[in-house]
Protein backbone atom coordinates (compact mmCIF):
# COMPACT_ATOMS: atom_id res chain seq x y z
CA UNK A 1 0.00 0.00 0.00
CA UNK A 2 1.32 3.43 -0.95
CA UNK A 3 0.12 5.05 2.28
CA UNK A 4 2.49 2.79 4.27
CA UNK A 5 5.67 3.77 2.40
CA UNK A 6 7.29 7.13 3.10
CA UNK A 7 8.70 7.39 -0.43
CA UNK A 8 5.17 7.97 -1.84
CA UNK A 9 4.28 10.81 0.58
CA UNK A 10 5.37 14.31 -0.45
CA UNK A 11 4.85 17.78 0.99
CA UNK A 12 2.01 19.46 -0.88
CA UNK A 13 0.23 16.17 -1.64
CA UNK A 14 -3.53 15.99 -1.02
CA UNK A 15 -4.31 13.10 1.35
CA UNK A 16 -6.97 11.68 3.66
CA UNK A 17 -5.76 10.92 7.20
CA UNK A 18 -7.26 9.30 10.26
CA UNK A 19 -6.65 11.24 13.48
CA UNK A 20 -5.85 9.45 16.77
CA UNK A 21 -9.31 10.15 18.25
CA UNK A 22 -11.02 8.90 15.05
CA UNK A 23 -9.23 5.53 14.81
CA UNK A 24 -12.22 3.56 16.15
CA UNK A 25 -14.76 5.21 13.85
CA UNK A 26 -12.39 5.40 10.89
CA UNK A 27 -13.45 9.00 10.10
CA UNK A 28 -11.10 10.55 7.54
CA UNK A 29 -9.91 14.15 7.32
CA UNK A 30 -8.70 15.56 4.00
CA UNK A 31 -5.92 18.08 3.61
CA UNK A 32 -2.54 19.02 2.18
CA UNK A 33 0.66 17.57 3.68
CA UNK A 34 2.74 20.22 5.45
CA UNK A 35 5.33 17.91 7.03
CA UNK A 36 6.08 14.21 7.35
CA UNK A 37 6.43 13.06 10.95
CA UNK A 38 7.30 9.36 10.48
CA UNK A 39 11.06 8.90 10.13
CA UNK A 40 11.09 5.25 9.08
CA UNK A 41 10.56 4.24 5.46
CA UNK A 42 7.54 2.05 6.27
CA UNK A 43 4.76 1.98 8.86
CA UNK A 44 2.00 -0.68 8.86
CA UNK A 45 -0.72 1.78 9.95
CA UNK A 46 0.25 4.56 7.52
CA UNK A 47 2.79 7.37 7.49
CA UNK A 48 2.11 10.06 10.11
CA UNK A 49 1.88 13.60 8.68
CA UNK A 50 0.88 17.11 9.72
CA UNK A 51 -1.57 18.86 7.40
CA UNK A 52 -1.50 22.59 6.58
CA UNK A 53 -4.38 23.20 9.04
CA UNK A 54 -2.35 21.62 11.88
CA UNK A 55 -4.15 18.26 11.89
CA UNK A 56 -1.90 15.27 12.66
CA UNK A 57 -2.83 11.80 11.48
CA UNK A 58 -1.82 8.71 9.57
CA UNK A 59 -2.28 8.69 5.80
CA UNK A 60 -5.04 6.30 4.70
CA UNK A 61 -5.52 7.53 1.11
CA UNK A 62 -3.56 9.57 -1.39
CA UNK A 63 -5.98 11.81 -3.30
CA UNK A 64 -5.55 13.40 -6.74
PDB file of N, CA and C in Angstrom:
ATOM      1  N   UNK A   1       0.851  -1.195   0.000  1.00  0.00           N
ATOM      2  CA  UNK A   1       0.000   0.000   0.000  1.00  0.00           C
ATOM      3  C   UNK A   1       0.887   1.246   0.000  1.00  0.00           C
ATOM      4  N   UNK A   2       0.528   2.214  -0.829  1.00  0.00           N
ATOM      5  CA  UNK A   2       1.320   3.429  -0.949  1.00  0.00           C
ATOM      6  C   UNK A   2       1.294   4.289   0.308  1.00  0.00           C
ATOM      7  N   UNK A   3       0.213   4.212   1.084  1.00  0.00           N
ATOM      8  CA  UNK A   3       0.122   5.045   2.279  1.00  0.00           C
ATOM      9  C   UNK A   3       1.047   4.545   3.395  1.00  0.00           C
ATOM     10  N   UNK A   4       1.614   3.352   3.253  1.00  0.00           N
ATOM     11  CA  UNK A   4       2.495   2.790   4.268  1.00  0.00           C
ATOM     12  C   UNK A   4       3.970   3.038   3.971  1.00  0.00           C
ATOM     13  N   UNK A   5       4.284   3.544   2.784  1.00  0.00           N
ATOM     14  CA  UNK A   5       5.674   3.774   2.400  1.00  0.00           C
ATOM     15  C   UNK A   5       5.939   5.282   2.311  1.00  0.00           C
ATOM     16  N   UNK A   6       6.953   5.710   3.020  1.00  0.00           N
ATOM     17  CA  UNK A   6       7.289   7.132   3.103  1.00  0.00           C
ATOM     18  C   UNK A   6       7.660   7.720   1.739  1.00  0.00           C
ATOM     19  N   UNK A   7       8.234   6.907   0.875  1.00  0.00           N
ATOM     20  CA  UNK A   7       8.695   7.392  -0.432  1.00  0.00           C
ATOM     21  C   UNK A   7       7.558   7.939  -1.297  1.00  0.00           C
ATOM     22  N   UNK A   8       6.307   7.514  -1.038  1.00  0.00           N
ATOM     23  CA  UNK A   8       5.169   7.971  -1.838  1.00  0.00           C
ATOM     24  C   UNK A   8       4.503   9.224  -1.279  1.00  0.00           C
ATOM     25  N   UNK A   9       4.893   9.651  -0.071  1.00  0.00           N
ATOM     26  CA  UNK A   9       4.283  10.807   0.580  1.00  0.00           C
ATOM     27  C   UNK A   9       5.185  12.018   0.361  1.00  0.00           C
ATOM     28  N   UNK A  10       4.609  13.085  -0.154  1.00  0.00           N
ATOM     29  CA  UNK A  10       5.371  14.308  -0.449  1.00  0.00           C
ATOM     30  C   UNK A  10       4.654  15.515   0.153  1.00  0.00           C
ATOM     31  N   UNK A  11       5.423  16.520   0.528  1.00  0.00           N
ATOM     32  CA  UNK A  11       4.846  17.781   0.994  1.00  0.00           C
ATOM     33  C   UNK A  11       4.074  18.399  -0.163  1.00  0.00           C
ATOM     34  N   UNK A  12       2.868  18.878   0.135  1.00  0.00           N
ATOM     35  CA  UNK A  12       2.015  19.459  -0.885  1.00  0.00           C
ATOM     36  C   UNK A  12       1.022  18.477  -1.487  1.00  0.00           C
ATOM     37  N   UNK A  13       1.127  17.204  -1.136  1.00  0.00           N
ATOM     38  CA  UNK A  13       0.234  16.171  -1.640  1.00  0.00           C
ATOM     39  C   UNK A  13      -1.103  16.226  -0.912  1.00  0.00           C
ATOM     40  N   UNK A  14      -2.192  16.020  -1.637  1.00  0.00           N
ATOM     41  CA  UNK A  14      -3.532  15.986  -1.020  1.00  0.00           C
ATOM     42  C   UNK A  14      -3.807  14.559  -0.548  1.00  0.00           C
ATOM     43  N   UNK A  15      -4.124  14.418   0.751  1.00  0.00           N
ATOM     44  CA  UNK A  15      -4.309  13.103   1.350  1.00  0.00           C
ATOM     45  C   UNK A  15      -5.531  13.086   2.262  1.00  0.00           C
ATOM     46  N   UNK A  16      -5.951  11.876   2.625  1.00  0.00           N
ATOM     47  CA  UNK A  16      -6.970  11.678   3.661  1.00  0.00           C
ATOM     48  C   UNK A  16      -6.282  10.956   4.813  1.00  0.00           C
ATOM     49  N   UNK A  17      -6.403  11.496   6.024  1.00  0.00           N
ATOM     50  CA  UNK A  17      -5.758  10.921   7.201  1.00  0.00           C
ATOM     51  C   UNK A  17      -6.800  10.534   8.231  1.00  0.00           C
ATOM     52  N   UNK A  18      -6.422   9.612   9.106  1.00  0.00           N
ATOM     53  CA  UNK A  18      -7.255   9.298  10.259  1.00  0.00           C
ATOM     54  C   UNK A  18      -6.523   9.855  11.487  1.00  0.00           C
ATOM     55  N   UNK A  19      -7.215  10.667  12.273  1.00  0.00           N
ATOM     56  CA  UNK A  19      -6.647  11.236  13.480  1.00  0.00           C
ATOM     57  C   UNK A  19      -6.728  10.209  14.607  1.00  0.00           C
ATOM     58  N   UNK A  20      -5.905  10.383  15.647  1.00  0.00           N
ATOM     59  CA  UNK A  20      -5.851   9.447  16.767  1.00  0.00           C
ATOM     60  C   UNK A  20      -7.244   9.209  17.364  1.00  0.00           C
ATOM     61  N   UNK A  21      -7.990  10.277  17.611  1.00  0.00           N
ATOM     62  CA  UNK A  21      -9.305  10.153  18.251  1.00  0.00           C
ATOM     63  C   UNK A  21     -10.354   9.534  17.328  1.00  0.00           C
ATOM     64  N   UNK A  22     -10.067   9.449  16.017  1.00  0.00           N
ATOM     65  CA  UNK A  22     -11.018   8.898  15.046  1.00  0.00           C
ATOM     66  C   UNK A  22     -10.670   7.471  14.620  1.00  0.00           C
ATOM     67  N   UNK A  23      -9.677   6.857  15.247  1.00  0.00           N
ATOM     68  CA  UNK A  23      -9.234   5.532  14.807  1.00  0.00           C
ATOM     69  C   UNK A  23     -10.339   4.486  14.925  1.00  0.00           C
ATOM     70  N   UNK A  24     -11.144   4.551  15.977  1.00  0.00           N
ATOM     71  CA  UNK A  24     -12.216   3.562  16.152  1.00  0.00           C
ATOM     72  C   UNK A  24     -13.299   3.724  15.087  1.00  0.00           C
ATOM     73  N   UNK A  25     -13.687   4.969  14.822  1.00  0.00           N
ATOM     74  CA  UNK A  25     -14.761   5.213  13.850  1.00  0.00           C
ATOM     75  C   UNK A  25     -14.244   5.152  12.411  1.00  0.00           C
ATOM     76  N   UNK A  26     -12.960   5.414  12.225  1.00  0.00           N
ATOM     77  CA  UNK A  26     -12.386   5.404  10.886  1.00  0.00           C
ATOM     78  C   UNK A  26     -12.663   6.673  10.093  1.00  0.00           C
ATOM     79  N   UNK A  27     -13.140   7.733  10.780  1.00  0.00           N
ATOM     80  CA  UNK A  27     -13.447   9.000  10.099  1.00  0.00           C
ATOM     81  C   UNK A  27     -12.169   9.600   9.509  1.00  0.00           C
ATOM     82  N   UNK A  28     -12.257  10.001   8.243  1.00  0.00           N
ATOM     83  CA  UNK A  28     -11.097  10.553   7.539  1.00  0.00           C
ATOM     84  C   UNK A  28     -11.184  12.070   7.450  1.00  0.00           C
ATOM     85  N   UNK A  29     -10.021  12.711   7.481  1.00  0.00           N
ATOM     86  CA  UNK A  29      -9.908  14.154   7.322  1.00  0.00           C
ATOM     87  C   UNK A  29      -9.014  14.415   6.119  1.00  0.00           C
ATOM     88  N   UNK A  30      -9.484  15.252   5.191  1.00  0.00           N
ATOM     89  CA  UNK A  30      -8.703  15.559   3.996  1.00  0.00           C
ATOM     90  C   UNK A  30      -7.896  16.828   4.201  1.00  0.00           C
ATOM     91  N   UNK A  31      -6.750  16.881   3.536  1.00  0.00           N
ATOM     92  CA  UNK A  31      -5.921  18.078   3.607  1.00  0.00           C
ATOM     93  C   UNK A  31      -4.656  17.925   2.802  1.00  0.00           C
ATOM     94  N   UNK A  32      -3.806  18.958   2.897  1.00  0.00           N
ATOM     95  CA  UNK A  32      -2.539  19.025   2.176  1.00  0.00           C
ATOM     96  C   UNK A  32      -1.399  18.777   3.167  1.00  0.00           C
ATOM     97  N   UNK A  33      -0.459  17.898   2.802  1.00  0.00           N
ATOM     98  CA  UNK A  33       0.661  17.565   3.677  1.00  0.00           C
ATOM     99  C   UNK A  33       1.576  18.778   3.849  1.00  0.00           C
ATOM    100  N   UNK A  34       1.801  19.143   5.121  1.00  0.00           N
ATOM    101  CA  UNK A  34       2.742  20.224   5.454  1.00  0.00           C
ATOM    102  C   UNK A  34       4.099  19.651   5.846  1.00  0.00           C
ATOM    103  N   UNK A  35       4.081  18.566   6.635  1.00  0.00           N
ATOM    104  CA  UNK A  35       5.328  17.909   7.028  1.00  0.00           C
ATOM    105  C   UNK A  35       5.077  16.429   7.278  1.00  0.00           C
ATOM    106  N   UNK A  36       6.141  15.654   7.139  1.00  0.00           N
ATOM    107  CA  UNK A  36       6.084  14.205   7.349  1.00  0.00           C
ATOM    108  C   UNK A  36       6.716  13.922   8.704  1.00  0.00           C
ATOM    109  N   UNK A  37       5.970  13.274   9.584  1.00  0.00           N
ATOM    110  CA  UNK A  37       6.428  13.057  10.950  1.00  0.00           C
ATOM    111  C   UNK A  37       7.041  11.676  11.182  1.00  0.00           C
ATOM    112  N   UNK A  38       6.719  10.698  10.353  1.00  0.00           N
ATOM    113  CA  UNK A  38       7.295   9.357  10.484  1.00  0.00           C
ATOM    114  C   UNK A  38       8.685   9.358   9.865  1.00  0.00           C
ATOM    115  N   UNK A  39       9.678   8.917  10.635  1.00  0.00           N
ATOM    116  CA  UNK A  39      11.058   8.900  10.131  1.00  0.00           C
ATOM    117  C   UNK A  39      11.392   7.628   9.367  1.00  0.00           C
ATOM    118  N   UNK A  40      10.766   6.513   9.737  1.00  0.00           N
ATOM    119  CA  UNK A  40      11.091   5.247   9.077  1.00  0.00           C
ATOM    120  C   UNK A  40      10.500   5.219   7.666  1.00  0.00           C
ATOM    121  N   UNK A  41      11.003   4.348   6.839  1.00  0.00           N
ATOM    122  CA  UNK A  41      10.556   4.244   5.456  1.00  0.00           C
ATOM    123  C   UNK A  41       9.222   3.547   5.291  1.00  0.00           C
ATOM    124  N   UNK A  42       8.787   2.819   6.344  1.00  0.00           N
ATOM    125  CA  UNK A  42       7.543   2.050   6.267  1.00  0.00           C
ATOM    126  C   UNK A  42       6.858   2.053   7.628  1.00  0.00           C
ATOM    127  N   UNK A  43       5.538   2.142   7.636  1.00  0.00           N
ATOM    128  CA  UNK A  43       4.760   1.979   8.863  1.00  0.00           C
ATOM    129  C   UNK A  43       3.475   1.243   8.512  1.00  0.00           C
ATOM    130  N   UNK A  44       3.153   0.146   9.229  1.00  0.00           N
ATOM    131  CA  UNK A  44       2.001  -0.683   8.861  1.00  0.00           C
ATOM    132  C   UNK A  44       0.649   0.026   8.967  1.00  0.00           C
ATOM    133  N   UNK A  45       0.552   1.072   9.782  1.00  0.00           N
ATOM    134  CA  UNK A  45      -0.723   1.785   9.954  1.00  0.00           C
ATOM    135  C   UNK A  45      -0.805   3.062   9.125  1.00  0.00           C
ATOM    136  N   UNK A  46       0.224   3.343   8.343  1.00  0.00           N
ATOM    137  CA  UNK A  46       0.249   4.556   7.525  1.00  0.00           C
ATOM    138  C   UNK A  46       1.275   5.540   8.038  1.00  0.00           C
ATOM    139  N   UNK A  47       1.788   6.355   7.151  1.00  0.00           N
ATOM    140  CA  UNK A  47       2.788   7.365   7.494  1.00  0.00           C
ATOM    141  C   UNK A  47       2.102   8.519   8.216  1.00  0.00           C
ATOM    142  N   UNK A  48       2.686   8.957   9.334  1.00  0.00           N
ATOM    143  CA  UNK A  48       2.105  10.062  10.106  1.00  0.00           C
ATOM    144  C   UNK A  48       2.556  11.392   9.511  1.00  0.00           C
ATOM    145  N   UNK A  49       1.594  12.285   9.282  1.00  0.00           N
ATOM    146  CA  UNK A  49       1.877  13.596   8.683  1.00  0.00           C
ATOM    147  C   UNK A  49       1.144  14.703   9.440  1.00  0.00           C
ATOM    148  N   UNK A  50       1.597  15.919   9.239  1.00  0.00           N
ATOM    149  CA  UNK A  50       0.883  17.112   9.716  1.00  0.00           C
ATOM    150  C   UNK A  50       0.345  17.829   8.485  1.00  0.00           C
ATOM    151  N   UNK A  51      -0.940  18.146   8.503  1.00  0.00           N
ATOM    152  CA  UNK A  51      -1.571  18.863   7.397  1.00  0.00           C
ATOM    153  C   UNK A  51      -1.404  20.361   7.583  1.00  0.00           C
ATOM    154  N   UNK A  52      -1.692  21.135   6.533  1.00  0.00           N
ATOM    155  CA  UNK A  52      -1.505  22.588   6.579  1.00  0.00           C
ATOM    156  C   UNK A  52      -2.389  23.265   7.627  1.00  0.00           C
ATOM    157  N   UNK A  53      -3.508  22.619   8.016  1.00  0.00           N
ATOM    158  CA  UNK A  53      -4.375  23.204   9.045  1.00  0.00           C
ATOM    159  C   UNK A  53      -3.963  22.781  10.456  1.00  0.00           C
ATOM    160  N   UNK A  54      -2.856  22.027  10.582  1.00  0.00           N
ATOM    161  CA  UNK A  54      -2.347  21.617  11.885  1.00  0.00           C
ATOM    162  C   UNK A  54      -2.784  20.226  12.316  1.00  0.00           C
ATOM    163  N   UNK A  55      -3.679  19.608  11.573  1.00  0.00           N
ATOM    164  CA  UNK A  55      -4.155  18.258  11.891  1.00  0.00           C
ATOM    165  C   UNK A  55      -3.011  17.259  11.746  1.00  0.00           C
ATOM    166  N   UNK A  56      -2.896  16.342  12.725  1.00  0.00           N
ATOM    167  CA  UNK A  56      -1.901  15.275  12.662  1.00  0.00           C
ATOM    168  C   UNK A  56      -2.632  13.946  12.560  1.00  0.00           C
ATOM    169  N   UNK A  57      -2.204  13.107  11.630  1.00  0.00           N
ATOM    170  CA  UNK A  57      -2.833  11.796  11.478  1.00  0.00           C
ATOM    171  C   UNK A  57      -2.023  10.907  10.566  1.00  0.00           C
ATOM    172  N   UNK A  58      -2.488   9.680  10.437  1.00  0.00           N
ATOM    173  CA  UNK A  58      -1.820   8.707   9.568  1.00  0.00           C
ATOM    174  C   UNK A  58      -2.533   8.651   8.218  1.00  0.00           C
ATOM    175  N   UNK A  59      -1.742   8.681   7.155  1.00  0.00           N
ATOM    176  CA  UNK A  59      -2.280   8.687   5.796  1.00  0.00           C
ATOM    177  C   UNK A  59      -2.996   7.368   5.519  1.00  0.00           C
ATOM    178  N   UNK A  60      -4.252   7.467   5.092  1.00  0.00           N
ATOM    179  CA  UNK A  60      -5.041   6.299   4.698  1.00  0.00           C
ATOM    180  C   UNK A  60      -5.283   6.274   3.197  1.00  0.00           C
ATOM    181  N   UNK A  61      -5.323   7.455   2.561  1.00  0.00           N
ATOM    182  CA  UNK A  61      -5.525   7.528   1.111  1.00  0.00           C
ATOM    183  C   UNK A  61      -4.711   8.687   0.558  1.00  0.00           C
ATOM    184  N   UNK A  62      -4.192   8.484  -0.634  1.00  0.00           N
ATOM    185  CA  UNK A  62      -3.558   9.571  -1.386  1.00  0.00           C
ATOM    186  C   UNK A  62      -4.582  10.008  -2.430  1.00  0.00           C
ATOM    187  N   UNK A  63      -4.957  11.282  -2.407  1.00  0.00           N
ATOM    188  CA  UNK A  63      -5.981  11.809  -3.295  1.00  0.00           C
ATOM    189  C   UNK A  63      -5.341  12.552  -4.455  1.00  0.00           C
ATOM    190  N   UNK A  64      -6.050  12.661  -5.567  1.00  0.00           N
ATOM    191  CA  UNK A  64      -5.552  13.399  -6.742  1.00  0.00           C
ATOM    192  C   UNK A  64      -6.004  14.840  -6.701  1.00  0.00           C
TER     193      UNK A  64
END
